[in-house]
Amino acid sequence: MKKYLSVFFVVLFLFSTIYAFKVTMVTDVGGLGDKSFNDGTWQGVLRARDELGVEIAVIQSSEQTDYLPNLSNAARDSDVVIAVGFMMTDVLFNVAPQFPDVYFVGIDIEPSPGQVVPSNVVCYVFNEHESSFPAGYLAAMMSKTGKVGFIGGVPVPAVTKFEAGYAAGVKVYNELHNEDVQVVSGYANTFNDPALGKSLALTQMENGADIVFHAAGPTGNGVIDAAKERGSNLYNLPQNASLEQIIDKYYELEKNYFAIGVDVDQGYMAPGYVLTSAMKRVDTAAFEGIQSAMSVRTFESGVFRLGMKEDGVSITPMKYTRSMVPIRYFVEIEYLKKLIKEDKLIIPSDPSQIGSFEVPEITFPY
């Protein structure tokens, strides 16, 4: 009997190995290590490996011409292909029908008008403006100069929505507190130039902005470097100063230079100098897409939009900077988030709408 059981388990092992469910992620040009969108999506893939037992792989794209061969090669060797980033949209919709037995999960990918989502593709998009709204409100609250900045990568909808929500947050703060905090905006027109991001941020800071929010992928890593550099100089502290030293200096001088991160929690990149991050739960979207694709009965093609109501966007818990922020600020933000979830506060999704955006009557319950 033991002999037969041994043979059974060997066969079972070989079967499971041969027929392992494989997931391959194809990055956009930022690649793994961007500390942003690709890394966040990869966390969802890693979660699927750990919780669902899938086999995983990644193919990195160096330039946009890599998307077609990378998606095609991934599809030949996988059950599920994760396509990361809006720049892959057209290629994804062309490749997917060629592999009808493979499921594709598009992260931040949305069809253009008239474009049909193939039956083996599910896309996840986000209400970025709902994520950046509380970041803008908090920036206006925390600014000591009355001027805050925004730096975008390429001005595509996924980025301009961040700008719109951020500006709306500042506008709501101004209306409710009778202030006049200004927003200065700029675009790098690239997602892969940290040096340019730093230069743009330093220029905004020299012109009075003490908090700068970036929605620029790896370009935005330079914005975080700029905040750390200016903050360290302000405090006369070394770059490797402890968080305790930074917080002590903040309360001594009652000012700082802050960056606001994007897509994932970027606070760890410069503790004490990254106020918060406007997050898109790309990790959750990747995991859910993989999980649904594991059963033909649960997979549903189409486009799913994740906003604050679906817990698809948020700002971070502010692990490193929470002690710098008065408690009443959090109370106000939580109440505004409640209004957004109840559709009582509709956040504009395009910067051109900010001028006509009318702030509703809001009374905080305290």
Protein backbone atom coordinates (compact mmCIF):
# COMPACT_ATOMS: atom_id res chain seq x y z
CA MET A 1 0.00 0.00 0.00
CA LYS A 2 2.80 2.41 0.91
CA LYS A 3 4.41 1.73 -2.46
CA TYR A 4 1.18 2.65 -4.31
CA LEU A 5 0.73 5.80 -2.20
CA SER A 6 4.29 6.86 -2.99
CA VAL A 7 3.68 6.41 -6.70
CA PHE A 8 0.40 8.33 -6.41
CA PHE A 9 2.01 11.32 -4.76
CA VAL A 10 4.87 11.35 -7.27
CA VAL A 11 2.38 11.37 -10.13
CA LEU A 12 0.34 14.08 -8.39
CA PHE A 13 3.46 16.19 -7.92
CA LEU A 14 4.49 15.80 -11.55
CA PHE A 15 0.97 16.63 -12.71
CA SER A 16 0.81 19.78 -10.59
CA THR A 17 4.26 20.84 -11.78
CA ILE A 18 3.50 20.28 -15.45
CA TYR A 19 0.12 21.96 -15.25
CA ALA A 20 0.99 24.81 -12.85
CA PHE A 21 -1.10 27.93 -13.36
CA LYS A 22 1.33 30.55 -14.63
CA VAL A 23 1.05 34.32 -14.43
CA THR A 24 3.43 36.63 -16.29
CA MET A 25 3.55 40.36 -15.73
CA VAL A 26 4.77 42.65 -18.52
CA THR A 27 6.03 45.95 -17.14
CA ASP A 28 5.84 49.32 -18.79
CA VAL A 29 9.08 51.16 -19.50
CA GLY A 30 9.52 52.14 -15.84
CA GLY A 31 10.22 48.48 -15.01
CA LEU A 32 10.56 46.84 -11.65
CA GLY A 33 12.37 49.01 -9.15
CA ASP A 34 10.40 52.12 -10.12
CA LYS A 35 9.17 52.32 -6.50
CA SER A 36 5.79 53.15 -7.98
CA PHE A 37 3.31 51.66 -10.44
CA ASN A 38 5.19 48.56 -11.58
CA ASP A 39 6.40 47.68 -8.10
CA GLY A 40 2.88 48.10 -6.74
CA THR A 41 1.40 45.78 -9.37
CA TRP A 42 4.14 43.24 -8.75
CA GLN A 43 3.14 43.14 -5.07
CA GLY A 44 -0.27 41.89 -6.18
CA VAL A 45 1.39 39.20 -8.32
CA LEU A 46 3.56 38.14 -5.38
CA ARG A 47 0.45 37.94 -3.22
CA ALA A 48 -1.14 35.64 -5.81
CA ARG A 49 1.93 33.42 -5.67
CA ASP A 50 1.79 33.21 -1.89
CA GLU A 51 -1.98 32.87 -1.43
CA LEU A 52 -3.11 31.15 -4.63
CA GLY A 53 -0.05 29.04 -5.38
CA VAL A 54 0.45 30.30 -8.92
CA GLU A 55 3.75 30.27 -10.76
CA ILE A 56 4.92 33.79 -11.63
CA ALA A 57 7.29 35.48 -14.03
CA VAL A 58 8.01 39.00 -15.22
CA ILE A 59 9.09 40.42 -18.57
CA GLN A 60 10.48 43.95 -18.46
CA SER A 61 9.97 46.52 -21.19
CA SER A 62 12.77 48.98 -21.96
CA GLU A 63 10.85 50.93 -24.60
CA GLN A 64 7.37 51.03 -26.06
CA THR A 65 8.37 48.90 -29.05
CA ASP A 66 8.92 46.05 -26.57
CA TYR A 67 5.21 45.85 -25.70
CA LEU A 68 4.14 43.79 -28.72
CA PRO A 69 6.83 41.07 -28.50
CA ASN A 70 6.70 41.01 -24.71
CA LEU A 71 2.93 40.53 -24.50
CA SER A 72 3.01 37.95 -27.29
CA ASN A 73 5.84 35.95 -25.71
CA ALA A 74 4.18 36.10 -22.30
CA ALA A 75 0.91 34.79 -23.78
CA ARG A 76 2.63 31.80 -25.39
CA ASP A 77 3.86 30.63 -22.02
CA SER A 78 1.19 31.72 -19.53
CA ASP A 79 -2.37 31.27 -18.35
CA VAL A 80 -2.66 34.93 -17.33
CA VAL A 81 -0.77 37.96 -18.61
CA ILE A 82 -0.70 41.20 -16.61
CA ALA A 83 -0.25 44.27 -18.83
CA VAL A 84 0.86 47.33 -16.87
CA GLY A 85 0.12 50.87 -17.95
CA PHE A 86 -2.09 52.86 -20.31
CA MET A 87 0.62 53.02 -22.99
CA MET A 88 0.03 49.31 -23.61
CA THR A 89 -3.69 49.71 -24.40
CA ASP A 90 -3.71 49.35 -28.19
CA VAL A 91 -1.13 46.58 -28.21
CA LEU A 92 -3.04 44.63 -25.55
CA PHE A 93 -6.32 44.84 -27.45
CA ASN A 94 -4.58 43.64 -30.61
CA VAL A 95 -2.64 40.79 -29.01
CA ALA A 96 -5.35 39.34 -26.73
CA PRO A 97 -7.68 38.05 -29.51
CA GLN A 98 -4.76 36.08 -30.94
CA PHE A 99 -4.60 34.05 -27.71
CA PRO A 100 -8.25 33.25 -26.85
CA ASP A 101 -7.27 30.65 -24.22
CA VAL A 102 -5.16 33.13 -22.25
CA TYR A 103 -6.61 35.71 -19.85
CA PHE A 104 -5.22 39.24 -19.85
CA VAL A 105 -5.42 41.70 -16.97
CA GLY A 106 -4.89 45.35 -17.91
CA ILE A 107 -3.79 47.65 -15.10
CA ASP A 108 -4.68 51.29 -15.73
CA ILE A 109 -5.86 50.34 -19.21
CA GLU A 110 -9.13 51.64 -20.61
CA PRO A 111 -10.52 51.34 -24.16
CA SER A 112 -10.73 54.40 -26.35
CA PRO A 113 -14.19 55.45 -27.61
CA GLY A 114 -15.43 52.75 -29.98
CA GLN A 115 -12.74 50.30 -28.92
CA VAL A 116 -14.13 46.91 -27.80
CA VAL A 117 -12.63 45.03 -24.85
CA PRO A 118 -11.84 41.46 -25.98
CA SER A 119 -13.72 38.71 -24.15
CA ASN A 120 -10.53 37.42 -22.51
CA VAL A 121 -9.47 40.82 -21.14
CA VAL A 122 -10.36 42.51 -17.87
CA CYS A 123 -9.21 46.08 -17.26
CA TYR A 124 -8.88 47.97 -14.00
CA VAL A 125 -8.88 51.75 -13.93
CA PHE A 126 -8.96 54.13 -10.99
CA ASN A 127 -10.51 57.38 -9.83
CA GLU A 128 -7.15 59.05 -9.35
CA HIS A 129 -8.84 62.38 -8.59
CA GLU A 130 -10.49 60.86 -5.51
CA SER A 131 -7.09 59.69 -4.30
CA SER A 132 -5.36 63.04 -4.78
CA PHE A 133 -8.21 65.11 -3.32
CA PRO A 134 -7.36 64.38 0.34
CA ALA A 135 -3.68 64.81 -0.53
CA GLY A 136 -4.42 68.32 -1.84
CA TYR A 137 -6.57 69.17 1.15
CA LEU A 138 -3.83 68.00 3.51
CA ALA A 139 -1.16 69.89 1.56
CA ALA A 140 -3.15 73.12 1.86
CA MET A 141 -3.58 72.53 5.57
CA MET A 142 0.10 71.83 6.16
CA SER A 143 1.61 74.52 3.91
CA LYS A 144 3.36 77.32 5.75
CA THR A 145 3.98 79.40 2.62
CA GLY A 146 0.50 79.36 1.10
CA LYS A 147 1.81 77.75 -2.08
CA VAL A 148 1.94 74.07 -3.04
CA GLY A 149 3.18 72.36 -6.19
CA PHE A 150 2.25 69.59 -8.60
CA ILE A 151 4.56 67.85 -11.08
CA GLY A 152 3.15 65.41 -13.60
CA GLY A 153 4.90 63.02 -15.93
CA VAL A 154 3.10 62.91 -19.27
CA PRO A 155 -0.25 64.82 -19.34
CA VAL A 156 -2.49 61.82 -20.02
CA PRO A 157 -5.83 61.26 -18.22
CA ALA A 158 -4.34 58.96 -15.58
CA VAL A 159 -2.03 61.85 -14.59
CA THR A 160 -4.22 64.90 -15.16
CA LYS A 161 -6.89 63.35 -12.94
CA PHE A 162 -4.34 63.40 -10.12
CA GLU A 163 -3.74 67.09 -10.80
CA ALA A 164 -7.47 67.83 -10.82
CA GLY A 165 -8.17 66.10 -7.53
CA TYR A 166 -5.18 67.75 -5.88
CA ALA A 167 -6.28 71.22 -7.00
CA ALA A 168 -9.86 70.47 -5.91
CA GLY A 169 -8.61 69.51 -2.45
CA VAL A 170 -6.80 72.82 -2.15
CA LYS A 171 -9.87 74.70 -3.37
CA VAL A 172 -12.18 73.01 -0.85
CA TYR A 173 -9.73 73.79 1.94
CA ASN A 174 -9.59 77.43 0.87
CA GLU A 175 -13.40 77.69 0.79
CA LEU A 176 -13.94 76.03 4.16
CA HIS A 177 -11.16 77.89 5.96
CA ASN A 178 -11.24 81.21 4.12
CA GLU A 179 -7.65 80.81 2.92
CA ASP A 180 -5.95 81.40 -0.41
CA VAL A 181 -3.42 78.60 -0.87
CA GLN A 182 -2.13 78.60 -4.45
CA VAL A 183 -1.24 75.61 -6.67
CA VAL A 184 1.59 75.75 -9.19
CA SER A 185 1.72 72.94 -11.75
CA GLY A 186 4.29 71.66 -14.21
CA TYR A 187 4.91 68.63 -16.43
CA ALA A 188 8.13 66.79 -17.17
CA ASN A 189 6.64 65.12 -20.28
CA THR A 190 8.44 61.92 -19.31
CA PHE A 191 8.11 59.25 -16.66
CA ASN A 192 11.78 58.26 -16.64
CA ASP A 193 13.89 61.26 -15.74
CA PRO A 194 14.41 61.63 -11.95
CA ALA A 195 16.99 64.38 -12.50
CA LEU A 196 14.42 66.48 -14.37
CA GLY A 197 11.82 65.77 -11.69
CA LYS A 198 14.21 67.02 -9.03
CA SER A 199 15.06 70.13 -11.03
CA LEU A 200 11.37 70.98 -11.56
CA ALA A 201 10.62 70.44 -7.85
CA LEU A 202 13.54 72.59 -6.72
CA THR A 203 12.34 75.38 -9.02
CA GLN A 204 8.85 75.23 -7.53
CA MET A 205 10.33 75.23 -4.01
CA GLU A 206 12.55 78.21 -4.82
CA ASN A 207 9.40 79.99 -5.97
CA GLY A 208 7.63 79.39 -2.67
CA ALA A 209 6.07 75.92 -2.77
CA ASP A 210 6.87 74.02 0.42
CA ILE A 211 4.91 70.88 -0.54
CA VAL A 212 5.12 69.27 -4.00
CA PHE A 213 2.96 66.36 -5.16
CA HIS A 214 4.21 64.26 -8.03
CA ALA A 215 2.34 61.96 -10.40
CA ALA A 216 5.34 61.16 -12.56
CA GLY A 217 6.52 57.59 -11.97
CA PRO A 218 10.31 57.34 -11.64
CA THR A 219 10.59 61.01 -12.66
CA GLY A 220 8.83 61.75 -9.40
CA ASN A 221 11.55 60.02 -7.41
CA GLY A 222 13.52 63.18 -8.07
CA VAL A 223 10.76 65.23 -6.45
CA ILE A 224 11.21 63.19 -3.28
CA ASP A 225 14.97 63.74 -3.46
CA ALA A 226 14.36 67.48 -3.77
CA ALA A 227 12.16 67.58 -0.67
CA LYS A 228 14.72 65.63 1.34
CA GLU A 229 17.56 67.88 0.16
CA ARG A 230 15.74 71.13 0.90
CA GLY A 231 14.40 69.83 4.20
CA SER A 232 17.81 68.60 5.35
CA ASN A 233 19.37 71.95 4.48
CA LEU A 234 16.59 73.80 6.27
CA TYR A 235 17.12 71.73 9.40
CA ASN A 236 20.92 71.64 9.05
CA LEU A 237 20.72 67.88 9.37
CA PRO A 238 22.62 65.17 7.48
CA GLN A 239 20.80 63.19 4.79
CA ASN A 240 20.80 60.15 7.07
CA ALA A 241 19.32 61.95 10.09
CA SER A 242 16.93 59.90 12.20
CA LEU A 243 13.18 60.42 11.99
CA GLU A 244 13.22 61.59 15.60
CA GLN A 245 15.70 64.36 14.72
CA ILE A 246 13.57 65.44 11.76
CA ILE A 247 10.38 65.59 13.82
CA ASP A 248 12.12 67.53 16.58
CA LYS A 249 13.36 70.08 14.03
CA TYR A 250 9.90 70.33 12.52
CA TYR A 251 8.41 71.34 15.85
CA GLU A 252 11.31 73.67 16.55
CA LEU A 253 11.05 75.56 13.24
CA GLU A 254 7.37 74.79 12.50
CA LYS A 255 8.08 74.24 8.80
CA ASN A 256 9.49 71.70 6.37
CA TYR A 257 9.73 70.81 2.70
CA PHE A 258 7.49 67.87 1.88
CA ALA A 259 6.93 65.70 -1.16
CA ILE A 260 3.70 63.79 -1.73
CA GLY A 261 4.15 60.41 -3.38
CA VAL A 262 1.93 58.54 -5.81
CA ASP A 263 0.53 55.10 -6.69
CA VAL A 264 2.08 53.29 -3.69
CA ASP A 265 3.17 54.33 -0.21
CA GLN A 266 6.45 56.13 -0.89
CA GLY A 267 7.01 57.36 2.65
CA TYR A 268 9.87 54.92 3.19
CA MET A 269 11.89 56.62 0.45
CA ALA A 270 12.51 59.69 2.61
CA PRO A 271 10.96 59.27 6.09
CA GLY A 272 9.89 62.63 7.47
CA TYR A 273 10.00 64.36 4.09
CA VAL A 274 7.20 62.49 2.28
CA LEU A 275 4.01 63.84 3.83
CA THR A 276 1.72 61.16 2.36
CA SER A 277 1.10 59.36 -0.94
CA ALA A 278 -1.98 59.27 -3.17
CA MET A 279 -2.33 55.54 -3.69
CA LYS A 280 -4.01 53.45 -6.36
CA ARG A 281 -4.50 49.88 -5.20
CA VAL A 282 -2.90 48.37 -8.27
CA ASP A 283 -1.78 45.47 -6.08
CA THR A 284 -5.39 44.63 -5.22
CA ALA A 285 -6.45 44.94 -8.88
CA ALA A 286 -3.69 42.57 -10.03
CA PHE A 287 -4.54 40.01 -7.37
CA GLU A 288 -8.27 40.13 -8.07
CA GLY A 289 -7.70 39.83 -11.81
CA ILE A 290 -5.54 36.74 -11.34
CA GLN A 291 -7.97 35.19 -8.88
CA SER A 292 -10.94 35.67 -11.20
CA ALA A 293 -9.02 34.20 -14.14
CA MET A 294 -8.35 30.98 -12.25
CA SER A 295 -11.96 29.97 -12.83
CA VAL A 296 -13.80 30.42 -16.10
CA ARG A 297 -16.97 30.77 -14.07
CA THR A 298 -15.76 33.82 -12.14
CA PHE A 299 -13.87 35.64 -14.89
CA GLU A 300 -15.70 38.66 -16.23
CA SER A 301 -14.27 40.73 -19.05
CA GLY A 302 -14.74 44.48 -19.31
CA VAL A 303 -13.63 47.55 -17.41
CA PHE A 304 -13.83 47.90 -13.64
CA ARG A 305 -13.39 51.33 -12.11
CA LEU A 306 -12.07 51.50 -8.55
CA GLY A 307 -12.60 54.64 -6.52
CA MET A 308 -12.82 55.64 -2.90
CA LYS A 309 -16.16 53.88 -2.51
CA GLU A 310 -14.57 50.58 -3.59
CA ASP A 311 -11.47 51.19 -1.42
CA GLY A 312 -9.51 51.30 -4.66
CA VAL A 313 -7.81 54.62 -3.90
CA SER A 314 -6.65 56.29 -0.70
CA ILE A 315 -3.93 58.27 0.96
CA THR A 316 -1.47 56.49 3.20
CA PRO A 317 -1.69 56.04 6.99
CA MET A 318 1.33 58.40 7.14
CA LYS A 319 3.54 56.11 9.20
CA TYR A 320 6.45 58.57 9.38
CA THR A 321 4.68 61.95 9.41
CA ARG A 322 1.48 61.33 11.33
CA SER A 323 2.84 62.92 14.51
CA MET A 324 3.48 66.16 12.60
CA VAL A 325 -0.18 66.56 11.67
CA PRO A 326 -2.81 67.94 14.11
CA ILE A 327 -5.56 65.42 14.87
CA ARG A 328 -8.32 67.77 13.69
CA TYR A 329 -6.84 67.61 10.18
CA PHE A 330 -7.46 63.87 10.07
CA VAL A 331 -11.00 64.38 11.36
CA GLU A 332 -11.78 66.80 8.56
CA ILE A 333 -10.28 64.54 5.88
CA GLU A 334 -12.18 61.50 7.11
CA TYR A 335 -15.43 63.42 7.00
CA LEU A 336 -14.73 64.64 3.45
CA LYS A 337 -13.92 61.07 2.40
CA LYS A 338 -17.28 60.00 3.83
CA LEU A 339 -19.01 62.63 1.70
CA ILE A 340 -17.20 61.37 -1.41
CA LYS A 341 -18.26 57.79 -0.74
CA GLU A 342 -21.86 58.97 -0.31
CA ASP A 343 -21.70 60.94 -3.61
CA LYS A 344 -22.33 64.17 -1.70
CA LEU A 345 -18.98 65.59 -2.76
CA ILE A 346 -18.16 65.00 -6.43
CA ILE A 347 -14.51 65.62 -7.26
CA PRO A 348 -13.72 67.02 -10.74
CA SER A 349 -11.59 64.73 -12.87
CA ASP A 350 -10.10 67.30 -15.24
CA PRO A 351 -8.01 70.37 -14.37
CA SER A 352 -10.16 72.46 -16.75
CA GLN A 353 -13.13 71.87 -14.42
CA ILE A 354 -11.53 73.41 -11.33
CA GLY A 355 -12.58 76.96 -12.16
CA SER A 356 -16.26 76.01 -12.37
CA PHE A 357 -16.11 73.52 -9.50
CA GLU A 358 -18.53 74.71 -6.82
CA VAL A 359 -17.80 73.60 -3.30
CA PRO A 360 -21.00 72.32 -1.64
CA GLU A 361 -22.15 73.45 1.78
CA ILE A 362 -20.08 71.44 4.24
CA THR A 363 -20.28 71.59 8.01
CA PHE A 364 -17.94 69.45 10.05
CA PRO A 365 -19.77 67.56 12.83
CA TYR A 366 -17.72 68.78 15.78
